[in-house]
Amino acid sequence: MAQRKWIPTVISMLEKSGMRSVDIELELQKKFRHSPSARSITAALNGDMRFFQIGEAHNCSLFKQKSHLVKVWGLRGNRYSEMEPYERL
């Protein structure tokens, strides 16, 4: 099993508000030299019972015309708003 040293950082980020997997990826890139991709983050959080999916949101960009759905994550036991910025209630 791969070490996921970034999980405690994600927990501390999600204590404040829910986040999209691509936003988690961007924050982890600032803090870790070898950060996981958004797909790896989704796979890891999906298998960890401490996290749950709040919903899905579109990932839009100025550089790409196509957008796709990405998962929005939160900590189990916490309540979040259903609209972006997914603040903790």
Protein backbone atom coordinates (compact mmCIF):
# COMPACT_ATOMS: atom_id res chain seq x y z
CA MET A 1 0.00 0.00 0.00
CA ALA A 2 1.34 3.40 -0.94
CA GLN A 3 2.01 5.93 1.76
CA ARG A 4 -0.37 8.84 1.67
CA LYS A 5 1.38 11.47 3.75
CA TRP A 6 -0.91 14.12 2.28
CA ILE A 7 -4.13 12.76 3.89
CA PRO A 8 -3.73 14.74 7.18
CA THR A 9 -3.30 17.92 5.13
CA VAL A 10 -6.52 17.17 3.24
CA ILE A 11 -8.32 16.56 6.53
CA SER A 12 -7.24 19.97 7.83
CA MET A 13 -8.36 21.63 4.57
CA LEU A 14 -11.77 19.93 4.66
CA GLU A 15 -12.37 20.96 8.27
CA LYS A 16 -12.83 24.51 6.96
CA SER A 17 -14.89 23.84 3.82
CA GLY A 18 -15.67 21.20 1.22
CA MET A 19 -13.42 21.16 -1.84
CA ARG A 20 -13.38 19.84 -5.39
CA SER A 21 -10.73 17.20 -6.09
CA VAL A 22 -8.98 19.53 -8.57
CA ASP A 23 -8.79 22.26 -5.91
CA ILE A 24 -7.33 19.77 -3.43
CA GLU A 25 -4.74 18.85 -6.07
CA LEU A 26 -3.74 22.51 -6.52
CA GLU A 27 -3.37 23.06 -2.76
CA LEU A 28 -1.30 19.90 -2.35
CA GLN A 29 1.02 20.98 -5.17
CA LYS A 30 1.91 24.03 -3.09
CA LYS A 31 2.77 21.92 -0.04
CA PHE A 32 4.28 18.67 -1.37
CA ARG A 33 7.01 18.01 -3.87
CA HIS A 34 5.33 14.89 -5.26
CA SER A 35 1.64 15.59 -4.96
CA PRO A 36 -1.05 13.21 -6.27
CA SER A 37 -3.26 13.90 -9.27
CA ALA A 38 -6.96 14.68 -8.93
CA ARG A 39 -7.78 11.12 -10.03
CA SER A 40 -5.48 9.65 -7.37
CA ILE A 41 -7.02 11.91 -4.75
CA THR A 42 -10.52 10.82 -5.75
CA ALA A 43 -9.55 7.14 -5.60
CA ALA A 44 -7.89 7.51 -2.19
CA LEU A 45 -10.71 9.54 -0.62
CA ASN A 46 -13.35 7.25 -2.09
CA GLY A 47 -11.78 4.29 -0.25
CA ASP A 48 -11.37 6.14 3.07
CA MET A 49 -14.41 6.13 5.37
CA ARG A 50 -13.45 9.51 6.91
CA PHE A 51 -14.49 11.27 3.70
CA PHE A 52 -17.72 11.52 1.74
CA GLN A 53 -18.83 12.99 -1.57
CA ILE A 54 -20.83 16.18 -1.18
CA GLY A 55 -21.66 16.12 -4.87
CA GLU A 56 -20.22 16.91 -8.28
CA ALA A 57 -19.25 20.19 -9.88
CA HIS A 58 -18.07 21.19 -13.33
CA ASN A 59 -14.38 21.82 -13.86
CA CYS A 60 -14.21 24.76 -16.24
CA SER A 61 -11.10 26.45 -17.56
CA LEU A 62 -10.22 29.39 -19.77
CA PHE A 63 -7.85 27.16 -21.72
CA LYS A 64 -10.16 24.20 -22.31
CA GLN A 65 -13.56 24.40 -23.97
CA LYS A 66 -14.77 21.10 -22.58
CA SER A 67 -15.67 20.86 -18.94
CA HIS A 68 -16.17 17.69 -16.98
CA LEU A 69 -17.63 16.75 -13.62
CA VAL A 70 -15.31 16.41 -10.62
CA LYS A 71 -16.14 15.22 -7.12
CA VAL A 72 -16.66 17.59 -4.22
CA TRP A 73 -15.34 16.15 -0.95
CA GLY A 74 -16.05 16.71 2.72
CA LEU A 75 -15.35 15.08 6.07
CA ARG A 76 -17.89 12.57 7.33
CA GLY A 77 -19.78 13.96 10.31
CA ASN A 78 -19.57 17.57 9.08
CA ARG A 79 -22.28 19.47 7.21
CA TYR A 80 -21.48 21.68 4.24
CA SER A 81 -23.45 24.08 2.08
CA GLU A 82 -24.54 22.57 -1.22
CA MET A 83 -23.42 25.59 -3.23
CA GLU A 84 -19.90 26.71 -3.93
CA PRO A 85 -17.76 27.62 -1.85
CA TYR A 86 -19.13 24.61 0.16
CA GLU A 87 -18.64 26.28 3.53
CA ARG A 88 -18.91 24.19 6.66
CA LEU A 89 -22.21 24.72 8.49
